[in-house]
Amino acid sequence: MTDVHAPRRVVLQAAGGVGATCVLAACGSSGNPNGSEFNSSPAPAGSATGTDSPSGTMLATTAEVPVGGGIVKGAFVITQPSEGTFKAFSKVCTHQGCDVNRVDGGVILCPCHGSRYSIEDGSVQVGPAPRALPEISVKVSGSDVVKA
């Protein structure tokens, strides 16, 4: 007596293999759904990579940074929580090292896993980030925000 189920098993196994191959190929795609500022080679989580520039280095002009918001520029997030008060933080998320990519609604946003940070002190507002963004001391020099 022949086994009529063997061909069906072979077909199902082959279909499963094709499906797994498609899923793996999608994981390796080079498209970037997180925007052009997204870093696909993240630094270690919580590091301040790129933030070791010397004191006096210009980070932004005061006009570039909206009151109640901020910008991501270079290795930094520069915010202005209230008029005339400027803050700067590392743009490297403390969860898995992705770069935060924008400031919206008073929070700094990470596109990778949804962490949100305060524009006032870099503290975690929504996880999974385990700790605040490292703060960088800044001051205003003329119309520029510079590292202190």
C-alpha atoms as a PDB file:
ATOM      1  CA  MET A   1       0.000   0.000   0.000  1.00  0.00           C
ATOM      2  CA  THR A   2       1.383   3.454  -0.915  1.00  0.00           C
ATOM      3  CA  ASP A   3       1.377   6.503   1.329  1.00  0.00           C
ATOM      4  CA  VAL A   4      -0.832   9.147  -0.345  1.00  0.00           C
ATOM      5  CA  HIS A   5      -0.011  11.672   2.360  1.00  0.00           C
ATOM      6  CA  ALA A   6       3.705  11.895   1.561  1.00  0.00           C
ATOM      7  CA  PRO A   7       3.267  14.216  -1.439  1.00  0.00           C
ATOM      8  CA  ARG A   8       0.999  16.514   0.598  1.00  0.00           C
ATOM      9  CA  ARG A   9       3.628  16.664   3.372  1.00  0.00           C
ATOM     10  CA  VAL A  10       6.341  17.537   0.862  1.00  0.00           C
ATOM     11  CA  VAL A  11       4.192  20.312  -0.650  1.00  0.00           C
ATOM     12  CA  LEU A  12       3.396  21.786   2.791  1.00  0.00           C
ATOM     13  CA  GLN A  13       7.051  21.675   3.873  1.00  0.00           C
ATOM     14  CA  ALA A  14       8.122  23.392   0.665  1.00  0.00           C
ATOM     15  CA  ALA A  15       5.452  26.071   1.094  1.00  0.00           C
ATOM     16  CA  GLY A  16       6.632  26.676   4.665  1.00  0.00           C
ATOM     17  CA  GLY A  17      10.204  27.045   3.469  1.00  0.00           C
ATOM     18  CA  VAL A  18       9.192  29.571   0.812  1.00  0.00           C
ATOM     19  CA  GLY A  19       7.217  31.566   3.403  1.00  0.00           C
ATOM     20  CA  ALA A  20      10.146  31.636   5.826  1.00  0.00           C
ATOM     21  CA  THR A  21      12.458  32.785   3.038  1.00  0.00           C
ATOM     22  CA  CYS A  22      10.103  35.674   2.208  1.00  0.00           C
ATOM     23  CA  VAL A  23       9.930  36.752   5.854  1.00  0.00           C
ATOM     24  CA  LEU A  24      13.709  36.685   6.216  1.00  0.00           C
ATOM     25  CA  ALA A  25      14.183  38.615   2.983  1.00  0.00           C
ATOM     26  CA  ALA A  26      11.824  41.321   4.228  1.00  0.00           C
ATOM     27  CA  CYS A  27      13.857  41.686   7.436  1.00  0.00           C
ATOM     28  CA  GLY A  28      16.951  42.391   5.396  1.00  0.00           C
ATOM     29  CA  SER A  29      15.429  45.042   3.151  1.00  0.00           C
ATOM     30  CA  SER A  30      17.342  48.271   2.728  1.00  0.00           C
ATOM     31  CA  GLY A  31      14.247  50.511   2.770  1.00  0.00           C
ATOM     32  CA  ASN A  32      14.012  52.832   5.744  1.00  0.00           C
ATOM     33  CA  PRO A  33      10.503  53.153   7.198  1.00  0.00           C
ATOM     34  CA  ASN A  34      11.784  55.361  10.035  1.00  0.00           C
ATOM     35  CA  GLY A  35      12.787  58.396   7.979  1.00  0.00           C
ATOM     36  CA  SER A  36      16.035  59.703   6.625  1.00  0.00           C
ATOM     37  CA  GLU A  37      17.460  60.653  10.039  1.00  0.00           C
ATOM     38  CA  PHE A  38      17.236  57.045  11.256  1.00  0.00           C
ATOM     39  CA  ASN A  39      20.559  55.349  12.038  1.00  0.00           C
ATOM     40  CA  SER A  40      20.582  51.654  11.108  1.00  0.00           C
ATOM     41  CA  SER A  41      23.921  51.153  12.907  1.00  0.00           C
ATOM     42  CA  PRO A  42      23.020  52.350  16.388  1.00  0.00           C
ATOM     43  CA  ALA A  43      25.537  53.217  19.060  1.00  0.00           C
ATOM     44  CA  PRO A  44      25.440  51.383  22.380  1.00  0.00           C
ATOM     45  CA  ALA A  45      22.270  52.315  24.263  1.00  0.00           C
ATOM     46  CA  GLY A  46      22.740  55.311  26.526  1.00  0.00           C
ATOM     47  CA  SER A  47      26.030  56.361  25.011  1.00  0.00           C
ATOM     48  CA  ALA A  48      26.692  59.968  24.184  1.00  0.00           C
ATOM     49  CA  THR A  49      28.440  59.133  20.911  1.00  0.00           C
ATOM     50  CA  GLY A  50      29.331  62.230  18.922  1.00  0.00           C
ATOM     51  CA  THR A  51      28.746  64.522  21.871  1.00  0.00           C
ATOM     52  CA  ASP A  52      32.427  64.981  22.736  1.00  0.00           C
ATOM     53  CA  SER A  53      32.838  68.140  20.643  1.00  0.00           C
ATOM     54  CA  PRO A  54      34.723  70.959  22.376  1.00  0.00           C
ATOM     55  CA  SER A  55      33.235  73.717  24.487  1.00  0.00           C
ATOM     56  CA  GLY A  56      32.066  76.660  22.393  1.00  0.00           C
ATOM     57  CA  THR A  57      30.975  74.435  19.495  1.00  0.00           C
ATOM     58  CA  MET A  58      27.860  75.881  17.865  1.00  0.00           C
ATOM     59  CA  LEU A  59      24.950  73.441  17.955  1.00  0.00           C
ATOM     60  CA  ALA A  60      22.180  75.610  16.466  1.00  0.00           C
ATOM     61  CA  THR A  61      20.969  79.159  16.169  1.00  0.00           C
ATOM     62  CA  THR A  62      18.359  80.286  18.679  1.00  0.00           C
ATOM     63  CA  ALA A  63      15.985  80.991  15.767  1.00  0.00           C
ATOM     64  CA  GLU A  64      16.121  77.330  14.649  1.00  0.00           C
ATOM     65  CA  VAL A  65      14.782  75.993  17.956  1.00  0.00           C
ATOM     66  CA  PRO A  66      11.037  76.543  18.482  1.00  0.00           C
ATOM     67  CA  VAL A  67       9.708  77.514  21.920  1.00  0.00           C
ATOM     68  CA  GLY A  68       8.074  74.425  23.462  1.00  0.00           C
ATOM     69  CA  GLY A  69       9.848  72.158  20.988  1.00  0.00           C
ATOM     70  CA  GLY A  70      13.235  71.362  19.571  1.00  0.00           C
ATOM     71  CA  ILE A  71      15.324  70.057  16.709  1.00  0.00           C
ATOM     72  CA  VAL A  72      17.599  67.101  16.054  1.00  0.00           C
ATOM     73  CA  LYS A  73      20.866  68.371  14.606  1.00  0.00           C
ATOM     74  CA  GLY A  74      24.186  66.556  14.344  1.00  0.00           C
ATOM     75  CA  ALA A  75      24.665  64.334  17.394  1.00  0.00           C
ATOM     76  CA  PHE A  76      22.257  66.386  19.515  1.00  0.00           C
ATOM     77  CA  VAL A  77      18.671  67.222  20.305  1.00  0.00           C
ATOM     78  CA  ILE A  78      18.434  70.925  21.131  1.00  0.00           C
ATOM     79  CA  THR A  79      15.232  72.052  22.858  1.00  0.00           C
ATOM     80  CA  GLN A  80      13.681  75.282  24.128  1.00  0.00           C
ATOM     81  CA  PRO A  81      11.179  74.191  26.805  1.00  0.00           C
ATOM     82  CA  SER A  82      10.351  77.826  27.644  1.00  0.00           C
ATOM     83  CA  GLU A  83      11.318  81.057  25.919  1.00  0.00           C
ATOM     84  CA  GLY A  84      15.048  81.703  26.281  1.00  0.00           C
ATOM     85  CA  THR A  85      15.805  78.394  28.046  1.00  0.00           C
ATOM     86  CA  PHE A  86      17.828  76.020  25.866  1.00  0.00           C
ATOM     87  CA  LYS A  87      18.736  72.418  26.603  1.00  0.00           C
ATOM     88  CA  ALA A  88      20.704  69.809  24.661  1.00  0.00           C
ATOM     89  CA  PHE A  89      20.805  66.034  24.893  1.00  0.00           C
ATOM     90  CA  SER A  90      22.490  63.147  23.128  1.00  0.00           C
ATOM     91  CA  LYS A  91      20.288  61.943  20.284  1.00  0.00           C
ATOM     92  CA  VAL A  92      21.108  58.284  21.103  1.00  0.00           C
ATOM     93  CA  CYS A  93      18.121  56.495  22.659  1.00  0.00           C
ATOM     94  CA  THR A  94      18.946  54.753  25.932  1.00  0.00           C
ATOM     95  CA  HIS A  95      16.900  51.695  24.969  1.00  0.00           C
ATOM     96  CA  GLN A  96      18.841  50.123  22.092  1.00  0.00           C
ATOM     97  CA  GLY A  97      20.969  52.944  20.743  1.00  0.00           C
ATOM     98  CA  CYS A  98      18.787  54.135  17.865  1.00  0.00           C
ATOM     99  CA  ASP A  99      18.826  57.837  17.050  1.00  0.00           C
ATOM    100  CA  VAL A 100      15.828  59.860  18.155  1.00  0.00           C
ATOM    101  CA  ASN A 101      14.575  61.622  15.051  1.00  0.00           C
ATOM    102  CA  ARG A 102      12.178  64.419  15.957  1.00  0.00           C
ATOM    103  CA  VAL A 103      10.586  66.589  18.589  1.00  0.00           C
ATOM    104  CA  ASP A 104       6.798  66.846  18.601  1.00  0.00           C
ATOM    105  CA  GLY A 105       4.203  67.865  21.169  1.00  0.00           C
ATOM    106  CA  GLY A 106       6.796  68.666  23.821  1.00  0.00           C
ATOM    107  CA  VAL A 107       8.530  65.286  23.655  1.00  0.00           C
ATOM    108  CA  ILE A 108      11.587  63.843  21.937  1.00  0.00           C
ATOM    109  CA  LEU A 109      10.635  60.776  19.891  1.00  0.00           C
ATOM    110  CA  CYS A 110      12.539  57.598  19.073  1.00  0.00           C
ATOM    111  CA  PRO A 111      11.240  55.835  15.938  1.00  0.00           C
ATOM    112  CA  CYS A 112      12.559  52.382  16.809  1.00  0.00           C
ATOM    113  CA  HIS A 113      10.404  51.295  19.749  1.00  0.00           C
ATOM    114  CA  GLY A 114       8.380  54.385  20.659  1.00  0.00           C
ATOM    115  CA  SER A 115      10.353  55.800  23.580  1.00  0.00           C
ATOM    116  CA  ARG A 116       9.542  59.417  24.418  1.00  0.00           C
ATOM    117  CA  TYR A 117      11.655  61.863  26.397  1.00  0.00           C
ATOM    118  CA  SER A 118      10.952  65.213  28.060  1.00  0.00           C
ATOM    119  CA  ILE A 119      12.263  68.323  26.264  1.00  0.00           C
ATOM    120  CA  GLU A 120      12.918  69.865  29.700  1.00  0.00           C
ATOM    121  CA  ASP A 121      15.308  67.352  31.222  1.00  0.00           C
ATOM    122  CA  GLY A 122      15.544  64.372  28.848  1.00  0.00           C
ATOM    123  CA  SER A 123      13.695  62.115  31.303  1.00  0.00           C
ATOM    124  CA  VAL A 124      11.765  59.116  30.016  1.00  0.00           C
ATOM    125  CA  GLN A 125       8.076  59.924  29.504  1.00  0.00           C
ATOM    126  CA  VAL A 126       7.174  56.642  27.745  1.00  0.00           C
ATOM    127  CA  GLY A 127       9.385  53.531  27.644  1.00  0.00           C
ATOM    128  CA  PRO A 128      10.876  51.113  26.877  1.00  0.00           C
ATOM    129  CA  ALA A 129      13.899  53.423  27.385  1.00  0.00           C
ATOM    130  CA  PRO A 130      15.357  52.644  30.820  1.00  0.00           C
ATOM    131  CA  ARG A 131      16.873  56.075  31.594  1.00  0.00           C
ATOM    132  CA  ALA A 132      17.033  59.711  30.513  1.00  0.00           C
ATOM    133  CA  LEU A 133      18.952  60.998  27.506  1.00  0.00           C
ATOM    134  CA  PRO A 134      22.389  62.257  28.583  1.00  0.00           C
ATOM    135  CA  GLU A 135      22.252  66.058  28.931  1.00  0.00           C
ATOM    136  CA  ILE A 136      24.862  68.303  27.325  1.00  0.00           C
ATOM    137  CA  SER A 137      25.596  71.677  28.953  1.00  0.00           C
ATOM    138  CA  VAL A 138      24.812  74.587  26.641  1.00  0.00           C
ATOM    139  CA  LYS A 139      24.697  78.361  26.740  1.00  0.00           C
ATOM    140  CA  VAL A 140      23.556  81.115  24.421  1.00  0.00           C
ATOM    141  CA  SER A 141      26.310  83.153  22.796  1.00  0.00           C
ATOM    142  CA  GLY A 142      24.833  85.956  20.721  1.00  0.00           C
ATOM    143  CA  SER A 143      22.236  84.200  18.551  1.00  0.00           C
ATOM    144  CA  ASP A 144      23.892  80.775  18.815  1.00  0.00           C
ATOM    145  CA  VAL A 145      23.327  77.817  21.144  1.00  0.00           C
ATOM    146  CA  VAL A 146      26.829  76.527  21.969  1.00  0.00           C
ATOM    147  CA  LYS A 147      28.314  73.812  24.157  1.00  0.00           C
ATOM    148  CA  ALA A 148      29.204  75.250  27.551  1.00  0.00           C
END
